Amino acid sequence: MIRAVFFDVRALLYGPQGAELLAAVLQGEGTSASPEAVTEAMAGLPAEVREARGRIRTEEQEDEYHRAMLPLLLRALGHGDPAGPVLARLVEAVREYPAWWSMYPEALPVLAQLQRRGLALGVVANWEPSLRRFLAEFEIDHYFRVILSSMAAGVAKPDPRLFALGLEAVGCAAGEALHCGPSLPEDVAGAQAAGLRPVWVNRTGIPTGHEVVTVNDLRGLLLLLGNGGE
């Protein structure tokens, strides 16, 4: 019997994050920068800045990191005025990145239906500590009994310890839980390592040869759990 369903954020919502988001902002401000170029520039930042990212546990630390990192990133990308309006736009974007995201149309009705069926719901994601605030922007945070950010927890998928924290929070055994996400290495392999039943959300519909329970969108969960949660 399934008693709990966990989600990765990207099973529920879609939009740019990290280097993809920063590149989109820079391009909108007339600066030529691909996500690959941003990733390369971030990899070349001073060691103390890169190491500081690994120590982020709170939203305050998240904000401090961005304020320290973004001017250095602009310099690394060859921008002439790292303290000007482009920096202000980047700071605004990383603080208000929900504005760049959208919810999949079936996500809300599926969450409501699963909650009505009495299932414990959670989010387990490789994400910054602002994860709860992010979900609150879409008014879906109240559906989840637990919301776990990898940065806040200090451990990331596919490490089974992050899944174990979710199970502990809802009081559920691993074999009684599903984890739904779009990443084979993080969501599917991570859930399997933790003993949860993985559901791969493959919205492309392109087969990859992996033998795993697959849904094209979240409505497939209602079919999987249609027989009393079996």
C-alpha atoms as a PDB file:
ATOM      1  CA  MET A   1       0.000   0.000   0.000  1.00  0.00           C
ATOM      2  CA  ILE A   2       1.330   3.421  -0.978  1.00  0.00           C
ATOM      3  CA  ARG A   3       0.956   5.989   1.812  1.00  0.00           C
ATOM      4  CA  ALA A   4       3.192   8.811   0.585  1.00  0.00           C
ATOM      5  CA  VAL A   5       4.143  10.450  -2.701  1.00  0.00           C
ATOM      6  CA  PHE A   6       7.229  12.635  -3.057  1.00  0.00           C
ATOM      7  CA  PHE A   7       7.955  14.940  -5.978  1.00  0.00           C
ATOM      8  CA  ASP A   8      10.925  16.656  -7.476  1.00  0.00           C
ATOM      9  CA  VAL A   9      10.137  20.321  -8.190  1.00  0.00           C
ATOM     10  CA  ARG A  10      10.631  19.819 -11.928  1.00  0.00           C
ATOM     11  CA  ALA A  11       7.840  17.257 -11.993  1.00  0.00           C
ATOM     12  CA  LEU A  12       5.472  20.065 -10.937  1.00  0.00           C
ATOM     13  CA  LEU A  13       6.906  23.224 -12.495  1.00  0.00           C
ATOM     14  CA  TYR A  14       9.158  24.252 -15.348  1.00  0.00           C
ATOM     15  CA  GLY A  15      11.514  27.151 -15.943  1.00  0.00           C
ATOM     16  CA  PRO A  16      15.180  28.195 -15.910  1.00  0.00           C
ATOM     17  CA  GLN A  17      17.424  27.754 -12.894  1.00  0.00           C
ATOM     18  CA  GLY A  18      21.074  28.408 -12.146  1.00  0.00           C
ATOM     19  CA  ALA A  19      23.233  29.141 -15.182  1.00  0.00           C
ATOM     20  CA  GLU A  20      20.229  28.928 -17.507  1.00  0.00           C
ATOM     21  CA  LEU A  21      18.406  31.666 -15.574  1.00  0.00           C
ATOM     22  CA  LEU A  22      21.470  33.925 -15.327  1.00  0.00           C
ATOM     23  CA  ALA A  23      22.150  33.550 -19.053  1.00  0.00           C
ATOM     24  CA  ALA A  24      18.553  34.431 -19.886  1.00  0.00           C
ATOM     25  CA  VAL A  25      18.766  37.611 -17.789  1.00  0.00           C
ATOM     26  CA  LEU A  26      22.087  38.620 -19.339  1.00  0.00           C
ATOM     27  CA  GLN A  27      20.794  38.032 -22.843  1.00  0.00           C
ATOM     28  CA  GLY A  28      17.747  40.148 -22.030  1.00  0.00           C
ATOM     29  CA  GLU A  29      20.094  42.945 -20.971  1.00  0.00           C
ATOM     30  CA  GLY A  30      22.025  42.741 -24.231  1.00  0.00           C
ATOM     31  CA  THR A  31      24.975  40.720 -22.915  1.00  0.00           C
ATOM     32  CA  SER A  32      25.914  37.701 -25.013  1.00  0.00           C
ATOM     33  CA  ALA A  33      26.198  34.782 -22.601  1.00  0.00           C
ATOM     34  CA  SER A  34      25.139  31.172 -23.060  1.00  0.00           C
ATOM     35  CA  PRO A  35      24.349  28.862 -20.123  1.00  0.00           C
ATOM     36  CA  GLU A  36      27.576  27.031 -20.949  1.00  0.00           C
ATOM     37  CA  ALA A  37      29.569  30.275 -20.767  1.00  0.00           C
ATOM     38  CA  VAL A  38      27.980  31.133 -17.413  1.00  0.00           C
ATOM     39  CA  THR A  39      28.751  27.661 -16.072  1.00  0.00           C
ATOM     40  CA  GLU A  40      32.367  27.969 -17.203  1.00  0.00           C
ATOM     41  CA  ALA A  41      32.702  31.429 -15.650  1.00  0.00           C
ATOM     42  CA  MET A  42      31.250  30.193 -12.343  1.00  0.00           C
ATOM     43  CA  ALA A  43      33.696  27.278 -12.325  1.00  0.00           C
ATOM     44  CA  GLY A  44      36.530  29.808 -12.620  1.00  0.00           C
ATOM     45  CA  LEU A  45      35.466  31.936  -9.645  1.00  0.00           C
ATOM     46  CA  PRO A  46      37.772  32.112  -6.604  1.00  0.00           C
ATOM     47  CA  ALA A  47      37.799  28.942  -4.539  1.00  0.00           C
ATOM     48  CA  GLU A  48      36.400  30.673  -1.459  1.00  0.00           C
ATOM     49  CA  VAL A  49      33.310  31.761  -3.424  1.00  0.00           C
ATOM     50  CA  ARG A  50      32.715  28.302  -4.864  1.00  0.00           C
ATOM     51  CA  GLU A  51      33.222  26.720  -1.450  1.00  0.00           C
ATOM     52  CA  ALA A  52      30.792  29.187   0.129  1.00  0.00           C
ATOM     53  CA  ARG A  53      28.031  27.793  -2.069  1.00  0.00           C
ATOM     54  CA  GLY A  54      28.494  24.377  -0.487  1.00  0.00           C
ATOM     55  CA  ARG A  55      28.001  25.894   2.976  1.00  0.00           C
ATOM     56  CA  ILE A  56      24.618  27.490   2.218  1.00  0.00           C
ATOM     57  CA  ARG A  57      21.970  26.250   4.660  1.00  0.00           C
ATOM     58  CA  THR A  58      19.590  29.227   5.060  1.00  0.00           C
ATOM     59  CA  GLU A  59      17.886  31.802   2.837  1.00  0.00           C
ATOM     60  CA  GLU A  60      20.055  34.510   4.406  1.00  0.00           C
ATOM     61  CA  GLN A  61      23.209  32.636   3.404  1.00  0.00           C
ATOM     62  CA  GLU A  62      21.721  32.091  -0.049  1.00  0.00           C
ATOM     63  CA  ASP A  63      21.225  35.859  -0.479  1.00  0.00           C
ATOM     64  CA  GLU A  64      24.731  36.623   0.832  1.00  0.00           C
ATOM     65  CA  TYR A  65      26.254  34.174  -1.634  1.00  0.00           C
ATOM     66  CA  HIS A  66      24.475  35.731  -4.595  1.00  0.00           C
ATOM     67  CA  ARG A  67      25.494  39.245  -3.560  1.00  0.00           C
ATOM     68  CA  ALA A  68      29.133  38.143  -3.395  1.00  0.00           C
ATOM     69  CA  MET A  69      29.112  35.913  -6.477  1.00  0.00           C
ATOM     70  CA  LEU A  70      27.231  37.950  -9.087  1.00  0.00           C
ATOM     71  CA  PRO A  71      29.679  40.906  -9.429  1.00  0.00           C
ATOM     72  CA  LEU A  72      32.547  38.426  -9.812  1.00  0.00           C
ATOM     73  CA  LEU A  73      30.550  36.511 -12.412  1.00  0.00           C
ATOM     74  CA  LEU A  74      30.003  39.671 -14.465  1.00  0.00           C
ATOM     75  CA  ARG A  75      33.721  40.439 -14.382  1.00  0.00           C
ATOM     76  CA  ALA A  76      34.539  36.880 -15.422  1.00  0.00           C
ATOM     77  CA  LEU A  77      32.185  37.280 -18.387  1.00  0.00           C
ATOM     78  CA  GLY A  78      33.949  40.491 -19.390  1.00  0.00           C
ATOM     79  CA  HIS A  79      31.134  42.849 -18.492  1.00  0.00           C
ATOM     80  CA  GLY A  80      32.391  46.428 -18.260  1.00  0.00           C
ATOM     81  CA  ASP A  81      30.207  47.603 -15.353  1.00  0.00           C
ATOM     82  CA  PRO A  82      29.761  44.848 -12.740  1.00  0.00           C
ATOM     83  CA  ALA A  83      28.107  47.276 -10.298  1.00  0.00           C
ATOM     84  CA  GLY A  84      25.572  48.764 -12.732  1.00  0.00           C
ATOM     85  CA  PRO A  85      21.983  48.008 -13.748  1.00  0.00           C
ATOM     86  CA  VAL A  86      22.805  44.555 -15.098  1.00  0.00           C
ATOM     87  CA  LEU A  87      23.942  43.488 -11.619  1.00  0.00           C
ATOM     88  CA  ALA A  88      20.708  44.857 -10.146  1.00  0.00           C
ATOM     89  CA  ARG A  89      18.719  42.861 -12.680  1.00  0.00           C
ATOM     90  CA  LEU A  90      20.601  39.657 -11.828  1.00  0.00           C
ATOM     91  CA  VAL A  91      20.078  40.176  -8.089  1.00  0.00           C
ATOM     92  CA  GLU A  92      16.364  40.719  -8.710  1.00  0.00           C
ATOM     93  CA  ALA A  93      16.137  37.617 -10.907  1.00  0.00           C
ATOM     94  CA  VAL A  94      17.744  35.219  -8.439  1.00  0.00           C
ATOM     95  CA  ARG A  95      15.543  36.604  -5.669  1.00  0.00           C
ATOM     96  CA  GLU A  96      12.337  36.532  -7.727  1.00  0.00           C
ATOM     97  CA  TYR A  97      12.984  33.541  -9.973  1.00  0.00           C
ATOM     98  CA  PRO A  98       9.432  32.155  -9.507  1.00  0.00           C
ATOM     99  CA  ALA A  99       8.422  34.851 -12.006  1.00  0.00           C
ATOM    100  CA  TRP A 100      10.382  32.916 -14.633  1.00  0.00           C
ATOM    101  CA  TRP A 101       8.589  29.630 -13.902  1.00  0.00           C
ATOM    102  CA  SER A 102       5.198  28.096 -14.701  1.00  0.00           C
ATOM    103  CA  MET A 103       3.229  25.207 -13.248  1.00  0.00           C
ATOM    104  CA  TYR A 104       2.304  22.242 -15.403  1.00  0.00           C
ATOM    105  CA  PRO A 105      -1.454  22.449 -16.024  1.00  0.00           C
ATOM    106  CA  GLU A 106      -2.282  19.099 -14.441  1.00  0.00           C
ATOM    107  CA  ALA A 107      -0.133  19.608 -11.315  1.00  0.00           C
ATOM    108  CA  LEU A 108      -2.682  21.419  -9.150  1.00  0.00           C
ATOM    109  CA  PRO A 109      -5.651  19.086  -9.743  1.00  0.00           C
ATOM    110  CA  VAL A 110      -3.441  16.028  -9.270  1.00  0.00           C
ATOM    111  CA  LEU A 111      -2.069  17.357  -5.955  1.00  0.00           C
ATOM    112  CA  ALA A 112      -5.605  18.110  -4.780  1.00  0.00           C
ATOM    113  CA  GLN A 113      -6.815  14.641  -5.743  1.00  0.00           C
ATOM    114  CA  LEU A 114      -3.892  12.896  -4.048  1.00  0.00           C
ATOM    115  CA  GLN A 115      -4.451  14.912  -0.892  1.00  0.00           C
ATOM    116  CA  ARG A 116      -8.164  14.030  -0.891  1.00  0.00           C
ATOM    117  CA  ARG A 117      -7.177  10.375  -1.078  1.00  0.00           C
ATOM    118  CA  GLY A 118      -5.311  10.794   2.209  1.00  0.00           C
ATOM    119  CA  LEU A 119      -1.764  10.414   0.855  1.00  0.00           C
ATOM    120  CA  ALA A 120       1.091  12.249   2.545  1.00  0.00           C
ATOM    121  CA  LEU A 121       2.778  14.486  -0.029  1.00  0.00           C
ATOM    122  CA  GLY A 122       6.282  15.915  -0.055  1.00  0.00           C
ATOM    123  CA  VAL A 123       8.879  17.652  -2.189  1.00  0.00           C
ATOM    124  CA  VAL A 124      12.464  16.388  -2.220  1.00  0.00           C
ATOM    125  CA  ALA A 125      14.674  18.464  -4.495  1.00  0.00           C
ATOM    126  CA  ASN A 126      18.223  19.513  -5.250  1.00  0.00           C
ATOM    127  CA  TRP A 127      17.437  23.147  -4.560  1.00  0.00           C
ATOM    128  CA  GLU A 128      18.398  26.192  -2.562  1.00  0.00           C
ATOM    129  CA  PRO A 129      16.930  26.897   0.920  1.00  0.00           C
ATOM    130  CA  SER A 130      14.301  29.208  -0.616  1.00  0.00           C
ATOM    131  CA  LEU A 131      12.423  26.121  -1.873  1.00  0.00           C
ATOM    132  CA  ARG A 132       9.419  26.615   0.423  1.00  0.00           C
ATOM    133  CA  ARG A 133       9.123  30.278  -0.570  1.00  0.00           C
ATOM    134  CA  PHE A 134       9.360  29.239  -4.210  1.00  0.00           C
ATOM    135  CA  LEU A 135       6.450  26.800  -3.865  1.00  0.00           C
ATOM    136  CA  ALA A 136       4.461  29.367  -1.878  1.00  0.00           C
ATOM    137  CA  GLU A 137       4.632  31.725  -4.867  1.00  0.00           C
ATOM    138  CA  PHE A 138       2.487  29.177  -6.735  1.00  0.00           C
ATOM    139  CA  GLU A 139       0.231  28.612  -3.692  1.00  0.00           C
ATOM    140  CA  ILE A 140       0.939  24.897  -3.567  1.00  0.00           C
ATOM    141  CA  ASP A 141       3.223  24.703  -0.506  1.00  0.00           C
ATOM    142  CA  HIS A 142       0.268  23.818   1.749  1.00  0.00           C
ATOM    143  CA  TYR A 143      -0.193  20.495  -0.048  1.00  0.00           C
ATOM    144  CA  PHE A 144       3.123  19.174   1.246  1.00  0.00           C
ATOM    145  CA  ARG A 145       3.736  17.695   4.645  1.00  0.00           C
ATOM    146  CA  VAL A 146       7.478  18.020   4.070  1.00  0.00           C
ATOM    147  CA  ILE A 147       9.548  20.247   1.755  1.00  0.00           C
ATOM    148  CA  LEU A 148      13.221  19.264   1.611  1.00  0.00           C
ATOM    149  CA  SER A 149      15.914  21.405   0.003  1.00  0.00           C
ATOM    150  CA  SER A 150      19.227  19.645  -0.586  1.00  0.00           C
ATOM    151  CA  MET A 151      21.205  22.753   0.364  1.00  0.00           C
ATOM    152  CA  ALA A 152      19.316  23.227   3.624  1.00  0.00           C
ATOM    153  CA  ALA A 153      19.771  19.539   4.450  1.00  0.00           C
ATOM    154  CA  GLY A 154      23.430  19.438   3.429  1.00  0.00           C
ATOM    155  CA  VAL A 155      22.940  16.378   1.227  1.00  0.00           C
ATOM    156  CA  ALA A 156      21.748  16.068  -2.376  1.00  0.00           C
ATOM    157  CA  LYS A 157      20.076  13.487  -4.590  1.00  0.00           C
ATOM    158  CA  PRO A 158      20.866  10.778  -5.541  1.00  0.00           C
ATOM    159  CA  ASP A 159      22.182  10.327  -1.982  1.00  0.00           C
ATOM    160  CA  PRO A 160      19.561   8.153  -0.241  1.00  0.00           C
ATOM    161  CA  ARG A 161      19.939  10.173   2.965  1.00  0.00           C
ATOM    162  CA  LEU A 162      17.844  13.008   1.512  1.00  0.00           C
ATOM    163  CA  PHE A 163      15.003  10.584   0.759  1.00  0.00           C
ATOM    164  CA  ALA A 164      15.354   9.094   4.247  1.00  0.00           C
ATOM    165  CA  LEU A 165      14.752  12.537   5.760  1.00  0.00           C
ATOM    166  CA  GLY A 166      11.519  12.796   3.783  1.00  0.00           C
ATOM    167  CA  LEU A 167      10.349   9.370   4.931  1.00  0.00           C
ATOM    168  CA  GLU A 168      11.115  10.226   8.540  1.00  0.00           C
ATOM    169  CA  ALA A 169       9.169  13.484   8.292  1.00  0.00           C
ATOM    170  CA  VAL A 170       5.973  11.766   7.092  1.00  0.00           C
ATOM    171  CA  GLY A 171       6.393   8.629   9.230  1.00  0.00           C
ATOM    172  CA  CYS A 172       6.405   6.264   6.290  1.00  0.00           C
ATOM    173  CA  ALA A 173       8.444   3.198   5.336  1.00  0.00           C
ATOM    174  CA  ALA A 174      10.417   3.328   2.086  1.00  0.00           C
ATOM    175  CA  GLY A 175       8.342   0.596   0.478  1.00  0.00           C
ATOM    176  CA  GLU A 176       5.181   2.598   1.129  1.00  0.00           C
ATOM    177  CA  ALA A 177       6.324   5.650  -0.857  1.00  0.00           C
ATOM    178  CA  LEU A 178       6.656   6.764  -4.465  1.00  0.00           C
ATOM    179  CA  HIS A 179       9.091   9.389  -5.702  1.00  0.00           C
ATOM    180  CA  CYS A 180       8.239  11.167  -8.969  1.00  0.00           C
ATOM    181  CA  GLY A 181      10.787  13.131 -10.962  1.00  0.00           C
ATOM    182  CA  PRO A 182      12.215  13.752 -14.425  1.00  0.00           C
ATOM    183  CA  SER A 183      15.855  12.840 -13.760  1.00  0.00           C
ATOM    184  CA  LEU A 184      16.989   9.246 -14.180  1.00  0.00           C
ATOM    185  CA  PRO A 185      20.237   9.634 -12.186  1.00  0.00           C
ATOM    186  CA  GLU A 186      18.828  11.846  -9.423  1.00  0.00           C
ATOM    187  CA  ASP A 187      15.190  10.838  -9.054  1.00  0.00           C
ATOM    188  CA  VAL A 188      14.979   7.268 -10.314  1.00  0.00           C
ATOM    189  CA  ALA A 189      18.376   5.963  -9.190  1.00  0.00           C
ATOM    190  CA  GLY A 190      18.236   7.952  -5.948  1.00  0.00           C
ATOM    191  CA  ALA A 191      14.788   6.652  -5.043  1.00  0.00           C
ATOM    192  CA  GLN A 192      15.800   3.086  -5.840  1.00  0.00           C
ATOM    193  CA  ALA A 193      18.903   3.391  -3.631  1.00  0.00           C
ATOM    194  CA  ALA A 194      16.704   4.611  -0.776  1.00  0.00           C
ATOM    195  CA  GLY A 195      14.158   1.808  -1.240  1.00  0.00           C
ATOM    196  CA  LEU A 196      11.339   4.005  -2.589  1.00  0.00           C
ATOM    197  CA  ARG A 197       9.385   3.118  -5.706  1.00  0.00           C
ATOM    198  CA  PRO A 198      10.463   5.495  -8.491  1.00  0.00           C
ATOM    199  CA  VAL A 199       8.103   6.947 -11.075  1.00  0.00           C
ATOM    200  CA  TRP A 200       9.894   8.566 -13.984  1.00  0.00           C
ATOM    201  CA  VAL A 201       8.073  11.627 -15.329  1.00  0.00           C
ATOM    202  CA  ASN A 202       9.085  11.508 -18.991  1.00  0.00           C
ATOM    203  CA  ARG A 203       7.200  14.343 -20.649  1.00  0.00           C
ATOM    204  CA  THR A 204       9.091  13.942 -23.920  1.00  0.00           C
ATOM    205  CA  GLY A 205       7.570  10.521 -24.575  1.00  0.00           C
ATOM    206  CA  ILE A 206      10.896   9.466 -26.097  1.00  0.00           C
ATOM    207  CA  PRO A 207      11.769   5.932 -24.944  1.00  0.00           C
ATOM    208  CA  THR A 208      15.265   5.474 -23.524  1.00  0.00           C
ATOM    209  CA  GLY A 209      15.233   1.760 -22.780  1.00  0.00           C
ATOM    210  CA  HIS A 210      15.086   2.113 -19.005  1.00  0.00           C
ATOM    211  CA  GLU A 211      12.913  -0.410 -17.220  1.00  0.00           C
ATOM    212  CA  VAL A 212      11.095   1.840 -14.766  1.00  0.00           C
ATOM    213  CA  VAL A 213       7.480   2.826 -14.173  1.00  0.00           C
ATOM    214  CA  THR A 214       6.942   5.851 -16.421  1.00  0.00           C
ATOM    215  CA  VAL A 215       4.229   8.487 -16.776  1.00  0.00           C
ATOM    216  CA  ASN A 216       3.950  11.156 -19.471  1.00  0.00           C
ATOM    217  CA  ASP A 217       2.509  13.636 -16.998  1.00  0.00           C
ATOM    218  CA  LEU A 218       1.290  13.620 -13.406  1.00  0.00           C
ATOM    219  CA  ARG A 219      -2.187  12.387 -14.316  1.00  0.00           C
ATOM    220  CA  GLY A 220      -0.546   8.992 -14.708  1.00  0.00           C
ATOM    221  CA  LEU A 221      -0.144   8.879 -10.913  1.00  0.00           C
ATOM    222  CA  LEU A 222      -3.916   8.838 -10.502  1.00  0.00           C
ATOM    223  CA  LEU A 223      -4.062   5.759 -12.708  1.00  0.00           C
ATOM    224  CA  LEU A 224      -1.169   4.078 -10.896  1.00  0.00           C
ATOM    225  CA  LEU A 225      -2.805   4.707  -7.537  1.00  0.00           C
ATOM    226  CA  GLY A 226      -6.356   4.101  -8.719  1.00  0.00           C
ATOM    227  CA  ASN A 227      -6.893   0.886  -6.809  1.00  0.00           C
ATOM    228  CA  GLY A 228      -6.874   2.156  -3.254  1.00  0.00           C
ATOM    229  CA  GLY A 229      -3.213   3.066  -3.382  1.00  0.00           C
ATOM    230  CA  GLU A 230      -2.043  -0.374  -4.480  1.00  0.00           C
END
